[in-house]
Amino acid sequence: MGSVRRRLSVLSVGLLVAGAAGLGLARPALAAPGDAAARGVVLDLVGDPGDESVQAQGTFGSVTAPPGGGTDDETSVAVALADPENVTATGTVAQVSATRGPTTSTASSQLATFTLSVLGVEVLDVAGLGVTAQCSAGNTSAGATGDDIAVFGQQITIRDTAQEFTADVTVTGLTDATLRAVVDRQLTGTPDNVIGINVRAVLSVSGFDGVEPAQFSLGQVILAEASCQSPTAVAPTASAISPNSGPQAGGQPVTITGTGFVPNATLVAFDGVAATNVVVAADGSSLTAVTPPGTVGPAAVVVSTAGGSAPALSYTYLAPAVTPRIESLTPEQGSTDGGTVVTVRGGGFVSGRTTVGICGQTIPAGEVTVAADARSLTFRTPPCAVGATEVRVTTPAGTSNEITFHYQASLPVTGTSLGGPVAAGLAMLLTGAVLLLATRHRRQRV
């Protein structure tokens, strides 16, 4: 075999496609909404250059999404030709998969290795190629991965425009024969369907039959193909939003649950203003979004797709949070034993989200009762040593000023188990009795 020749020329994809059609190599077509399919390796080589014959046909790794929904896949499919002529091909299709969902159809193809030789010349040697396709109502996409691709023994950079490569080849009945490969990567589609082909090579042979130039089409090879058709658009439903309130300034992440949400094709609006960072779960049953700024009060949340809009959910924009403040304590003192019920008056208190700091301890929000007007709260003091301590209130908006509370020792009562207010009362009663007796004694002496 003569030396390998390599020639690059950028051709329009339209010319390449037209050439393939002329060879009778039409792409597979998807007929119904929601269809999805994937193929690993497709060989369609048939030709008679000179006095030789070239033939190799077969598809290795082929799946179609089930009509009723779900996934079809195949793994570790070996490339093994039946009765080829002047063609050798080996390789492994790692996986092909196709899924039909209620709002989205997807397909993927992963090729582990593949090597192809025609008329004794190695044409293709590739490894680690992949392609994906995703279709939802009004939105389609395709992507390809892998760049370990050699044509006629030389590494190339695959492009979406056609590149032509040639190599000398020996063909009985021809002189100055050349084997030609036109190679490209195709990721094409419309809002309703898409097809991705990682590598496509259209092969031909040219030379001289005597003194007359001659050209022979051999066919094409497809490596890693995925395609899909958008499902029929259906209106989404929205059942819940969490949390259902947030700051007027926006920026609150929320989760909305429902049905019929479409990845990359779903809008969320709060009183007509679009949310940002909308991310839809793969099964279309939930999404996350970030609220835009709004007006204090209720807002209608509407989820929309190409199929329509869901009935509105309710969300409440809250006024900006106010840092809490303390104006007074009642009482301002209590027993070192703790248990004194203290009322704090001020403002900015938040029910269920307010804690109180006292004596180096924190009274949790569950033990703090906030009034409906958010201007007072009550809590029970914890035990603490005699002396002054500072009281502060904390909410999500911040921490208040400090105000002093005094811990006082309890008066002991000898010989009794009474204590607290009862003990104090007995002490006062005894003191009063002593004073009364002393007064009477002075009067009698006078």
Protein backbone atom coordinates (compact mmCIF):
# COMPACT_ATOMS: atom_id res chain seq x y z
CA MET A 1 0.00 0.00 0.00
CA GLY A 2 1.27 3.45 -0.82
CA SER A 3 1.88 6.27 1.67
CA VAL A 4 -1.05 7.78 3.51
CA ARG A 5 -2.14 11.20 2.27
CA ARG A 6 -4.11 13.58 4.49
CA ARG A 7 -6.04 16.53 3.07
CA LEU A 8 -8.35 18.85 4.99
CA SER A 9 -11.08 20.78 3.26
CA VAL A 10 -14.04 22.43 4.98
CA LEU A 11 -17.25 21.53 3.20
CA SER A 12 -20.74 22.73 3.96
CA VAL A 13 -22.87 20.34 5.99
CA GLY A 14 -25.60 20.82 3.40
CA LEU A 15 -23.39 19.38 0.67
CA LEU A 16 -22.42 16.48 2.90
CA VAL A 17 -26.00 15.68 3.74
CA ALA A 18 -26.96 15.93 0.09
CA GLY A 19 -24.16 13.53 -0.78
CA ALA A 20 -25.34 11.05 1.83
CA ALA A 21 -28.90 11.25 0.56
CA GLY A 22 -27.62 10.55 -2.91
CA LEU A 23 -26.12 7.36 -1.53
CA GLY A 24 -29.49 6.33 -0.18
CA LEU A 25 -28.29 6.77 3.42
CA ALA A 26 -31.19 8.64 4.95
CA ARG A 27 -31.19 9.29 8.71
CA PRO A 28 -33.60 7.38 10.91
CA ALA A 29 -36.80 9.38 11.41
CA LEU A 30 -38.83 9.71 14.60
CA ALA A 31 -42.53 9.58 13.93
CA ALA A 32 -44.45 10.24 17.14
CA PRO A 33 -44.21 12.81 19.94
CA GLY A 34 -42.10 11.47 22.78
CA ASP A 35 -40.11 9.02 20.64
CA ALA A 36 -36.46 8.45 21.54
CA ALA A 37 -33.83 6.12 20.09
CA ALA A 38 -30.10 5.41 20.27
CA ARG A 39 -27.61 3.38 18.24
CA GLY A 40 -24.00 2.50 18.98
CA VAL A 41 -22.43 1.59 15.62
CA VAL A 42 -24.14 1.64 12.21
CA LEU A 43 -22.29 0.19 9.21
CA ASP A 44 -23.81 0.64 5.76
CA LEU A 45 -20.99 -0.07 3.33
CA VAL A 46 -21.78 -1.48 -0.11
CA GLY A 47 -19.77 -0.83 -3.30
CA ASP A 48 -17.86 -2.35 -6.23
CA PRO A 49 -14.69 -0.33 -6.83
CA GLY A 50 -12.77 -1.67 -9.82
CA ASP A 51 -12.82 -5.44 -9.71
CA GLU A 52 -13.26 -5.51 -5.93
CA SER A 53 -16.37 -5.79 -3.77
CA VAL A 54 -16.92 -3.96 -0.46
CA GLN A 55 -19.75 -4.98 1.85
CA ALA A 56 -20.45 -4.62 5.57
CA GLN A 57 -23.87 -3.87 7.01
CA GLY A 58 -25.20 -4.01 10.52
CA THR A 59 -26.27 -2.08 13.58
CA PHE A 60 -24.68 -2.84 16.95
CA GLY A 61 -26.50 -1.54 20.01
CA SER A 62 -29.97 -0.24 19.13
CA VAL A 63 -32.81 0.79 21.45
CA THR A 64 -36.13 2.65 21.19
CA ALA A 65 -38.05 4.13 24.11
CA PRO A 66 -41.15 2.03 24.98
CA PRO A 67 -44.37 3.53 23.53
CA GLY A 68 -46.05 3.44 26.95
CA GLY A 69 -43.20 5.18 28.72
CA GLY A 70 -40.05 4.00 30.48
CA THR A 71 -36.53 3.08 29.41
CA ASP A 72 -34.94 0.61 27.01
CA ASP A 73 -31.19 0.02 27.15
CA GLU A 74 -28.41 -2.33 26.11
CA THR A 75 -24.89 -2.65 27.49
CA SER A 76 -21.57 -4.16 26.38
CA VAL A 77 -22.55 -4.92 22.79
CA ALA A 78 -19.71 -6.37 20.68
CA VAL A 79 -19.24 -5.30 17.07
CA ALA A 80 -19.09 -8.51 15.02
CA LEU A 81 -19.69 -8.46 11.26
CA ALA A 82 -21.45 -11.25 9.39
CA ASP A 83 -19.98 -12.13 5.96
CA PRO A 84 -18.10 -8.88 5.29
CA GLU A 85 -16.17 -8.31 2.08
CA ASN A 86 -12.96 -6.30 2.21
CA VAL A 87 -14.07 -4.81 5.57
CA THR A 88 -12.97 -5.58 9.13
CA ALA A 89 -14.56 -3.96 12.18
CA THR A 90 -14.15 -4.58 15.90
CA GLY A 91 -15.22 -2.73 19.02
CA THR A 92 -17.62 -2.51 21.95
CA VAL A 93 -20.70 -0.39 22.48
CA ALA A 94 -20.65 0.41 26.20
CA GLN A 95 -24.33 1.41 26.46
CA VAL A 96 -27.29 2.70 24.49
CA SER A 97 -30.38 4.00 26.31
CA ALA A 98 -33.69 5.64 25.37
CA THR A 99 -36.33 6.96 27.78
CA ARG A 100 -39.86 8.25 27.22
CA GLY A 101 -41.25 10.39 30.06
CA PRO A 102 -44.47 12.38 30.49
CA THR A 103 -42.75 15.69 29.73
CA THR A 104 -39.27 14.77 28.51
CA SER A 105 -37.71 12.11 26.29
CA THR A 106 -33.98 11.36 26.32
CA ALA A 107 -31.49 9.12 24.53
CA SER A 108 -27.77 8.41 24.88
CA SER A 109 -25.08 6.30 23.24
CA GLN A 110 -21.63 5.47 24.64
CA LEU A 111 -19.00 3.79 22.45
CA ALA A 112 -16.03 2.24 24.26
CA THR A 113 -13.81 1.34 21.26
CA PHE A 114 -14.12 0.88 17.51
CA THR A 115 -11.70 0.13 14.68
CA LEU A 116 -12.60 -0.06 10.96
CA SER A 117 -10.47 -1.15 7.99
CA VAL A 118 -11.59 -1.08 4.32
CA LEU A 119 -9.64 -2.63 1.44
CA GLY A 120 -6.78 -3.29 3.83
CA VAL A 121 -6.49 0.33 5.01
CA GLU A 122 -7.33 1.33 8.60
CA VAL A 123 -9.92 4.08 8.22
CA LEU A 124 -11.14 4.75 11.77
CA ASP A 125 -9.78 4.09 15.26
CA VAL A 126 -11.75 5.69 18.12
CA ALA A 127 -12.31 5.32 21.87
CA GLY A 128 -14.55 6.83 24.54
CA LEU A 129 -17.16 8.54 22.37
CA GLY A 130 -20.59 9.58 23.64
CA VAL A 131 -23.68 11.50 22.55
CA THR A 132 -26.90 12.56 24.28
CA ALA A 133 -30.25 13.98 23.15
CA GLN A 134 -33.02 15.53 25.25
CA CYS A 135 -36.45 16.69 24.09
CA SER A 136 -39.23 18.47 25.98
CA ALA A 137 -42.12 20.50 24.66
CA GLY A 138 -40.64 23.45 22.80
CA ASN A 139 -37.06 22.69 23.81
CA THR A 140 -34.46 20.22 22.50
CA SER A 141 -30.72 19.77 22.94
CA ALA A 142 -27.92 17.40 21.99
CA GLY A 143 -24.32 17.08 23.11
CA ALA A 144 -21.26 14.98 22.29
CA THR A 145 -18.20 13.94 24.28
CA GLY A 146 -14.86 12.34 23.42
CA ASP A 147 -12.04 13.36 21.08
CA ASP A 148 -9.93 10.21 20.76
CA ILE A 149 -10.49 9.90 17.00
CA ALA A 150 -7.95 8.82 14.39
CA VAL A 151 -8.58 8.78 10.62
CA PHE A 152 -6.11 6.88 8.43
CA GLY A 153 -3.82 6.54 11.45
CA GLN A 154 -3.68 10.23 12.38
CA GLN A 155 -5.45 11.99 15.27
CA ILE A 156 -7.99 14.60 14.18
CA THR A 157 -10.10 17.28 15.81
CA ILE A 158 -13.70 16.49 14.97
CA ARG A 159 -15.87 19.39 13.76
CA ASP A 160 -19.45 20.06 12.84
CA THR A 161 -18.31 20.95 9.35
CA ALA A 162 -17.09 18.21 7.03
CA GLN A 163 -13.39 17.36 6.75
CA GLU A 164 -11.97 15.25 3.94
CA PHE A 165 -9.15 12.75 4.45
CA THR A 166 -7.51 10.50 1.84
CA ALA A 167 -5.14 7.57 1.70
CA ASP A 168 -3.58 5.54 -1.10
CA VAL A 169 -5.23 2.15 -1.58
CA THR A 170 -4.64 -0.86 -3.82
CA VAL A 171 -7.73 -1.83 -5.85
CA THR A 172 -7.71 -4.49 -8.52
CA GLY A 173 -8.82 -2.96 -11.84
CA LEU A 174 -7.89 0.63 -10.85
CA THR A 175 -4.70 2.64 -11.00
CA ASP A 176 -3.76 5.54 -8.68
CA ALA A 177 -6.63 4.52 -6.39
CA THR A 178 -7.52 6.71 -3.44
CA LEU A 179 -9.73 5.88 -0.45
CA ARG A 180 -11.59 8.97 0.70
CA ALA A 181 -13.36 9.63 4.05
CA VAL A 182 -15.52 12.72 4.63
CA VAL A 183 -15.92 13.03 8.41
CA ASP A 184 -18.01 15.26 10.64
CA ARG A 185 -19.93 15.47 13.93
CA GLN A 186 -23.64 16.35 13.76
CA LEU A 187 -25.75 17.94 16.49
CA THR A 188 -28.83 19.28 14.73
CA GLY A 189 -32.46 19.81 15.56
CA THR A 190 -35.57 21.94 15.82
CA PRO A 191 -37.77 22.87 18.81
CA ASP A 192 -39.56 19.55 18.24
CA ASN A 193 -36.78 17.03 17.53
CA VAL A 194 -33.02 16.62 17.63
CA ILE A 195 -30.36 14.15 16.50
CA GLY A 196 -26.78 13.82 17.66
CA ILE A 197 -24.08 11.83 15.85
CA ASN A 198 -20.62 11.82 17.38
CA VAL A 199 -18.79 10.65 14.23
CA ARG A 200 -20.09 10.10 10.72
CA ALA A 201 -17.81 9.04 7.90
CA VAL A 202 -18.89 8.85 4.26
CA LEU A 203 -16.47 6.65 2.26
CA SER A 204 -15.64 6.47 -1.44
CA VAL A 205 -12.91 5.24 -3.79
CA SER A 206 -11.55 7.07 -6.84
CA GLY A 207 -8.96 6.16 -9.44
CA PHE A 208 -8.48 5.44 -13.12
CA ASP A 209 -10.09 2.66 -15.09
CA GLY A 210 -7.56 2.64 -17.90
CA VAL A 211 -7.37 6.28 -18.84
CA GLU A 212 -10.84 7.18 -17.64
CA PRO A 213 -11.32 8.62 -14.12
CA ALA A 214 -13.71 6.59 -12.00
CA GLN A 215 -15.37 7.14 -8.58
CA PHE A 216 -17.23 4.60 -6.45
CA SER A 217 -19.43 5.34 -3.46
CA LEU A 218 -19.01 2.88 -0.58
CA GLY A 219 -21.53 4.17 1.99
CA GLN A 220 -21.28 5.52 5.51
CA VAL A 221 -20.40 4.67 9.09
CA ILE A 222 -22.16 6.19 12.11
CA LEU A 223 -20.59 6.06 15.58
CA ALA A 224 -22.73 6.92 18.66
CA GLU A 225 -26.11 8.29 17.64
CA ALA A 226 -29.01 9.56 19.81
CA SER A 227 -32.28 11.18 18.75
CA CYS A 228 -35.62 12.17 20.23
CA GLN A 229 -38.95 13.88 19.54
CA SER A 230 -40.60 16.31 21.95
CA PRO A 231 -43.60 14.88 23.84
CA THR A 232 -46.98 16.53 23.38
CA ALA A 233 -47.20 19.61 25.57
CA VAL A 234 -49.52 19.34 28.58
CA ALA A 235 -50.42 22.04 31.07
CA PRO A 236 -48.55 21.73 34.38
CA THR A 237 -50.16 21.52 37.80
CA ALA A 238 -48.78 23.13 40.96
CA SER A 239 -49.82 21.79 44.35
CA ALA A 240 -47.56 23.44 46.95
CA ILE A 241 -44.82 26.02 47.49
CA SER A 242 -42.36 25.91 50.38
CA PRO A 243 -41.70 28.16 52.12
CA ASN A 244 -44.85 30.12 51.34
CA SER A 245 -43.50 33.45 52.56
CA GLY A 246 -40.29 35.41 52.35
CA PRO A 247 -38.68 38.84 52.32
CA GLN A 248 -40.01 41.69 50.22
CA ALA A 249 -36.54 42.09 48.72
CA GLY A 250 -36.74 38.64 47.13
CA GLY A 251 -33.82 36.23 46.96
CA GLN A 252 -35.71 33.50 48.84
CA PRO A 253 -35.15 29.94 47.46
CA VAL A 254 -38.48 28.09 47.15
CA THR A 255 -39.53 24.60 46.09
CA ILE A 256 -42.71 24.04 44.09
CA THR A 257 -44.23 20.58 43.71
CA GLY A 258 -46.69 19.47 41.06
CA THR A 259 -46.68 17.75 37.67
CA GLY A 260 -45.72 18.52 34.09
CA PHE A 261 -42.73 20.75 34.83
CA VAL A 262 -40.30 20.72 31.89
CA PRO A 263 -36.50 20.99 32.33
CA ASN A 264 -35.11 24.14 30.70
CA ALA A 265 -38.58 25.14 29.49
CA THR A 266 -40.53 26.17 32.61
CA LEU A 267 -41.27 29.71 33.77
CA VAL A 268 -42.22 30.76 37.31
CA ALA A 269 -43.73 34.20 37.95
CA PHE A 270 -44.59 36.00 41.22
CA ASP A 271 -47.35 38.52 40.46
CA GLY A 272 -46.11 38.52 36.88
CA VAL A 273 -42.42 38.99 37.72
CA ALA A 274 -40.18 36.11 36.63
CA ALA A 275 -38.31 34.10 39.24
CA THR A 276 -34.65 33.28 38.64
CA ASN A 277 -32.56 30.11 38.78
CA VAL A 278 -35.47 27.83 37.89
CA VAL A 279 -34.28 24.21 38.03
CA VAL A 280 -36.71 21.37 37.25
CA ALA A 281 -36.28 17.84 38.61
CA ALA A 282 -35.72 15.13 36.01
CA ASP A 283 -39.15 13.58 36.63
CA GLY A 284 -40.93 16.94 36.23
CA SER A 285 -42.63 16.71 39.64
CA SER A 286 -40.81 19.55 41.40
CA LEU A 287 -38.70 22.62 40.79
CA THR A 288 -36.65 25.13 42.69
CA ALA A 289 -36.55 28.86 42.04
CA VAL A 290 -35.45 32.12 43.63
CA THR A 291 -38.10 34.76 44.32
CA PRO A 292 -37.91 38.21 42.69
CA PRO A 293 -38.56 41.39 44.72
CA GLY A 294 -42.23 42.05 45.40
CA THR A 295 -44.79 44.14 47.27
CA VAL A 296 -45.54 43.36 50.93
CA GLY A 297 -48.56 41.07 51.08
CA PRO A 298 -49.92 38.12 49.11
CA ALA A 299 -48.63 37.29 45.61
CA ALA A 300 -49.88 34.86 42.96
CA VAL A 301 -47.30 32.29 41.86
CA VAL A 302 -47.87 30.87 38.36
CA VAL A 303 -45.90 28.03 36.76
CA SER A 304 -46.00 27.94 32.93
CA THR A 305 -44.73 25.64 30.18
CA ALA A 306 -45.42 25.33 26.48
CA GLY A 307 -48.51 23.33 27.46
CA GLY A 308 -50.09 26.15 29.48
CA SER A 309 -50.14 27.53 33.02
CA ALA A 310 -50.98 25.94 36.35
CA PRO A 311 -53.54 27.49 38.72
CA ALA A 312 -51.82 30.05 40.93
CA LEU A 313 -50.32 29.28 44.32
CA SER A 314 -50.21 31.86 47.11
CA TYR A 315 -47.00 33.37 48.46
CA THR A 316 -46.66 36.20 50.99
CA TYR A 317 -44.03 38.90 50.80
CA LEU A 318 -42.98 40.02 54.28
CA ALA A 319 -41.95 43.50 55.37
CA PRO A 320 -38.25 43.96 56.12
CA ALA A 321 -37.27 42.49 59.47
CA VAL A 322 -36.79 44.95 62.38
CA THR A 323 -33.99 44.52 64.91
CA PRO A 324 -35.62 43.81 68.29
CA ARG A 325 -35.48 46.38 71.09
CA ILE A 326 -36.14 46.24 74.84
CA GLU A 327 -37.86 49.10 76.68
CA SER A 328 -38.61 47.55 80.08
CA LEU A 329 -38.70 44.41 82.24
CA THR A 330 -41.44 43.46 84.71
CA PRO A 331 -40.36 42.55 87.35
CA GLU A 332 -36.79 43.76 87.32
CA GLN A 333 -35.65 41.30 89.97
CA GLY A 334 -36.22 37.71 90.98
CA SER A 335 -35.00 34.76 93.01
CA THR A 336 -31.67 33.07 92.44
CA ASP A 337 -33.69 29.85 92.27
CA GLY A 338 -35.09 31.02 88.93
CA GLY A 339 -38.67 30.49 87.80
CA THR A 340 -39.61 34.17 87.85
CA VAL A 341 -42.00 35.01 85.02
CA VAL A 342 -40.63 38.13 83.33
CA THR A 343 -42.44 40.29 80.79
CA VAL A 344 -40.23 42.11 78.31
CA ARG A 345 -41.74 45.11 76.53
CA GLY A 346 -40.30 46.62 73.37
CA GLY A 347 -40.68 45.68 69.70
CA GLY A 348 -39.49 43.57 66.78
CA PHE A 349 -40.16 40.24 68.51
CA VAL A 350 -40.95 37.29 66.22
CA SER A 351 -43.17 34.43 67.34
CA GLY A 352 -41.35 31.11 67.28
CA ARG A 353 -38.06 32.73 66.28
CA THR A 354 -37.10 34.76 69.36
CA THR A 355 -34.63 33.72 72.06
CA VAL A 356 -33.69 35.45 75.31
CA GLY A 357 -30.19 35.68 76.74
CA ILE A 358 -29.84 36.01 80.52
CA CYS A 359 -27.11 35.08 83.02
CA GLY A 360 -24.95 33.65 80.21
CA GLN A 361 -27.73 31.27 79.21
CA THR A 362 -30.14 31.20 76.27
CA ILE A 363 -33.87 30.64 76.66
CA PRO A 364 -34.88 28.79 73.47
CA ALA A 365 -37.62 30.12 71.18
CA GLY A 366 -39.93 27.30 72.22
CA GLU A 367 -39.92 28.66 75.80
CA VAL A 368 -40.49 32.28 74.84
CA THR A 369 -44.08 33.48 74.31
CA VAL A 370 -44.43 36.46 71.96
CA ALA A 371 -47.60 38.58 71.99
CA ALA A 372 -49.64 38.90 68.80
CA ASP A 373 -48.60 42.54 68.36
CA ALA A 374 -44.90 41.54 68.61
CA ARG A 375 -44.37 44.24 71.26
CA SER A 376 -43.98 42.06 74.32
CA LEU A 377 -42.86 38.60 75.37
CA THR A 378 -42.66 36.48 78.50
CA PHE A 379 -40.18 33.89 79.76
CA ARG A 380 -39.12 32.18 82.99
CA THR A 381 -35.74 33.02 84.47
CA PRO A 382 -33.18 30.24 84.92
CA PRO A 383 -31.30 29.81 88.21
CA CYS A 384 -28.39 32.23 88.65
CA ALA A 385 -26.09 33.68 91.31
CA VAL A 386 -26.94 36.80 93.29
CA GLY A 387 -26.30 40.00 91.43
CA ALA A 388 -27.09 41.97 88.30
CA THR A 389 -27.20 40.33 84.88
CA GLU A 390 -28.01 41.61 81.42
CA VAL A 391 -31.04 40.53 79.39
CA ARG A 392 -31.02 40.63 75.60
CA VAL A 393 -33.44 39.41 72.90
CA THR A 394 -32.38 37.84 69.59
CA THR A 395 -34.42 37.29 66.39
CA PRO A 396 -33.36 36.52 62.80
CA ALA A 397 -33.05 40.30 62.33
CA GLY A 398 -30.43 40.71 65.05
CA THR A 399 -29.92 41.23 68.81
CA SER A 400 -31.51 43.93 70.96
CA ASN A 401 -30.08 46.37 73.44
CA GLU A 402 -29.41 45.10 76.97
CA ILE A 403 -31.35 45.80 80.15
CA THR A 404 -30.48 44.78 83.71
CA PHE A 405 -32.23 42.13 85.78
CA HIS A 406 -31.29 41.56 89.46
CA TYR A 407 -31.06 38.15 91.09
CA GLN A 408 -31.78 38.26 94.83
CA ALA A 409 -31.17 35.64 97.51
CA SER A 410 -34.19 33.89 98.99
CA LEU A 411 -34.82 34.46 102.74
CA PRO A 412 -34.50 31.13 104.63
CA VAL A 413 -37.19 30.10 107.15
CA THR A 414 -35.78 27.93 109.98
CA GLY A 415 -37.78 24.87 110.95
CA THR A 416 -40.11 24.92 107.96
CA SER A 417 -40.05 23.81 104.38
CA LEU A 418 -41.78 26.98 103.22
CA GLY A 419 -39.80 29.31 101.02
CA GLY A 420 -40.07 31.99 98.40
CA PRO A 421 -42.98 34.43 98.76
CA VAL A 422 -44.46 32.51 101.73
CA ALA A 423 -41.19 32.69 103.69
CA ALA A 424 -40.86 36.37 102.96
CA GLY A 425 -44.41 36.94 104.16
CA LEU A 426 -43.77 35.12 107.42
CA ALA A 427 -40.64 37.15 107.99
CA MET A 428 -42.58 40.39 107.51
CA LEU A 429 -45.33 39.16 109.87
CA LEU A 430 -42.83 38.35 112.63
CA THR A 431 -41.12 41.70 112.19
CA GLY A 432 -44.46 43.51 112.48
CA ALA A 433 -45.37 41.60 115.65
CA VAL A 434 -42.11 42.57 117.32
CA LEU A 435 -42.62 46.24 116.50
CA LEU A 436 -46.18 46.15 117.85
CA LEU A 437 -45.07 44.65 121.18
CA ALA A 438 -42.29 47.22 121.55
CA THR A 439 -44.74 50.09 120.97
CA ARG A 440 -47.17 48.80 123.60
CA HIS A 441 -44.35 48.38 126.09
CA ARG A 442 -43.26 52.03 125.70
CA ARG A 443 -46.85 53.25 126.16
CA GLN A 444 -47.26 51.26 129.40
CA ARG A 445 -44.10 52.83 130.81
CA VAL A 446 -45.33 56.29 130.04
